[in-house]
Amino acid sequence: MSMQITQIVGVVLTATSLALLLRQYRAEYALFLSITITVGVFAVLSPIIKEILGSVERIGAATDTAQSAVLIMKALGISFLAASAADICRDAGESAMAARVELAGKVTVLSLAMPMAFQLIELLGRILER
């Protein structure tokens, strides 16, 4: 992984320099380059993310917290995806769209958390009854 991060940083910094040059002449190409690099980074990281998810599932199964672990990983995935999409929107000069993407991500994470919040409230209620 440490070698991959070095390669990713190198490619991203090179692409950033190229995007700065492209933005002067053909701004739409700079945006396309940004989207391509974002997709490429996710593609490179996907096997690592898959391995992490497998480890989290095993830990969750061993500790009887599988449901919570899955919800946390889904929330992280949604957060990463929304942040990346918002960054691309900002690169395109669309800060209002970026804010809407971030709002959608937050609402989605909140909706994932609600069942867990209800379980926590029920547990607290049972504890207080004793």
Protein backbone atom coordinates (compact mmCIF):
# COMPACT_ATOMS: atom_id res chain seq x y z
CA MET A 1 0.00 0.00 0.00
CA SER A 2 2.78 2.47 0.81
CA MET A 3 4.12 2.11 -2.73
CA GLN A 4 0.63 2.59 -4.18
CA ILE A 5 0.09 5.82 -2.24
CA THR A 6 3.37 7.15 -3.60
CA GLN A 7 2.27 6.31 -7.14
CA ILE A 8 -1.20 7.77 -6.60
CA VAL A 9 0.24 11.00 -5.24
CA GLY A 10 2.66 11.23 -8.16
CA VAL A 11 -0.07 10.70 -10.75
CA VAL A 12 -2.45 13.12 -9.02
CA LEU A 13 0.17 15.86 -8.71
CA THR A 14 1.15 15.42 -12.36
CA ALA A 15 -2.50 15.52 -13.39
CA THR A 16 -3.00 18.65 -11.28
CA SER A 17 -0.15 20.39 -13.08
CA LEU A 18 -1.58 19.34 -16.43
CA ALA A 19 -5.06 20.49 -15.38
CA LEU A 20 -3.68 23.93 -14.52
CA LEU A 21 -2.24 24.19 -18.01
CA LEU A 22 -5.38 22.85 -19.67
CA ARG A 23 -7.61 25.22 -17.73
CA GLN A 24 -5.97 28.17 -19.51
CA TYR A 25 -6.84 26.87 -22.96
CA ARG A 26 -9.61 24.27 -22.69
CA ALA A 27 -11.30 24.28 -19.29
CA GLU A 28 -13.59 21.39 -20.23
CA TYR A 29 -10.57 19.16 -20.74
CA ALA A 30 -9.27 20.02 -17.28
CA LEU A 31 -12.59 18.93 -15.78
CA PHE A 32 -12.55 15.71 -17.79
CA LEU A 33 -9.00 15.05 -16.56
CA SER A 34 -10.12 15.59 -12.95
CA ILE A 35 -13.02 13.16 -13.31
CA THR A 36 -10.77 10.58 -14.99
CA ILE A 37 -8.17 10.79 -12.23
CA THR A 38 -10.88 10.49 -9.56
CA VAL A 39 -12.28 7.35 -11.18
CA GLY A 40 -8.76 5.97 -11.60
CA VAL A 41 -7.87 6.50 -7.95
CA PHE A 42 -11.08 4.76 -6.86
CA ALA A 43 -10.29 1.88 -9.24
CA VAL A 44 -6.79 1.48 -7.79
CA LEU A 45 -8.12 1.63 -4.25
CA SER A 46 -11.08 -0.70 -4.78
CA PRO A 47 -9.17 -3.96 -4.06
CA ILE A 48 -7.80 -2.43 -0.87
CA ILE A 49 -11.25 -1.20 0.13
CA LYS A 50 -12.67 -4.65 -0.57
CA GLU A 51 -10.02 -6.20 1.70
CA ILE A 52 -10.82 -3.70 4.45
CA LEU A 53 -14.53 -4.44 4.15
CA GLY A 54 -13.84 -8.16 4.45
CA SER A 55 -11.79 -7.57 7.58
CA VAL A 56 -14.49 -5.39 9.11
CA GLU A 57 -17.11 -8.05 8.37
CA ARG A 58 -14.95 -10.72 10.02
CA ILE A 59 -14.39 -8.54 13.07
CA GLY A 60 -18.11 -7.77 13.21
CA ALA A 61 -19.02 -11.44 13.01
CA ALA A 62 -16.51 -12.38 15.71
CA THR A 63 -17.72 -9.66 18.08
CA ASP A 64 -21.44 -9.80 17.24
CA THR A 65 -21.36 -6.23 15.91
CA ALA A 66 -21.67 -7.06 12.21
CA GLN A 67 -24.71 -4.85 11.64
CA SER A 68 -23.03 -1.82 13.19
CA ALA A 69 -19.81 -2.43 11.29
CA VAL A 70 -21.64 -2.66 7.97
CA LEU A 71 -23.54 0.56 8.67
CA ILE A 72 -20.33 2.38 9.53
CA MET A 73 -18.63 1.18 6.36
CA LYS A 74 -21.64 2.18 4.24
CA ALA A 75 -21.60 5.63 5.86
CA LEU A 76 -17.89 6.01 5.12
CA GLY A 77 -18.41 4.96 1.51
CA ILE A 78 -21.25 7.42 1.05
CA SER A 79 -19.16 10.17 2.64
CA PHE A 80 -16.17 9.50 0.38
CA LEU A 81 -18.36 9.37 -2.72
CA ALA A 82 -20.25 12.56 -1.86
CA ALA A 83 -17.03 14.42 -1.01
CA SER A 84 -15.42 13.37 -4.29
CA ALA A 85 -18.47 14.40 -6.32
CA ALA A 86 -18.64 17.73 -4.48
CA ASP A 87 -14.95 18.37 -5.18
CA ILE A 88 -15.52 17.73 -8.88
CA CYS A 89 -18.48 20.13 -8.84
CA ARG A 90 -16.30 22.78 -7.19
CA ASP A 91 -13.58 22.20 -9.80
CA ALA A 92 -16.21 22.93 -12.43
CA GLY A 93 -17.14 26.15 -10.62
CA GLU A 94 -20.47 24.80 -9.42
CA SER A 95 -20.35 25.38 -5.67
CA ALA A 96 -24.14 25.28 -5.32
CA MET A 97 -24.25 21.81 -6.88
CA ALA A 98 -21.39 20.75 -4.62
CA ALA A 99 -23.41 21.83 -1.60
CA ARG A 100 -26.44 19.81 -2.81
CA VAL A 101 -24.28 16.70 -3.25
CA GLU A 102 -22.90 17.14 0.26
CA LEU A 103 -26.43 17.60 1.62
CA ALA A 104 -27.59 14.43 -0.15
CA GLY A 105 -24.66 12.52 1.35
CA LYS A 106 -25.43 13.76 4.86
CA VAL A 107 -29.12 12.93 4.58
CA THR A 108 -28.30 9.45 3.27
CA VAL A 109 -25.87 8.79 6.14
CA LEU A 110 -28.47 10.05 8.62
CA SER A 111 -31.09 7.72 7.17
CA LEU A 112 -28.67 4.81 7.56
CA ALA A 113 -28.06 5.73 11.19
CA MET A 114 -31.69 6.00 12.24
CA PRO A 115 -32.30 2.27 12.84
CA MET A 116 -29.19 2.14 15.00
CA ALA A 117 -30.34 5.23 16.93
CA PHE A 118 -33.71 3.58 17.62
CA GLN A 119 -31.95 0.43 18.86
CA LEU A 120 -29.80 2.54 21.17
CA ILE A 121 -32.86 4.33 22.57
CA GLU A 122 -34.61 0.99 23.15
CA LEU A 123 -31.53 -0.36 24.91
CA LEU A 124 -31.33 2.71 27.14
CA GLY A 125 -35.02 2.33 27.93
CA ARG A 126 -34.51 -1.29 28.99
CA ILE A 127 -31.53 -0.35 31.13
CA LEU A 128 -33.45 2.42 32.87
CA GLU A 129 -36.39 0.09 33.58
CA ARG A 130 -34.23 -2.14 35.76
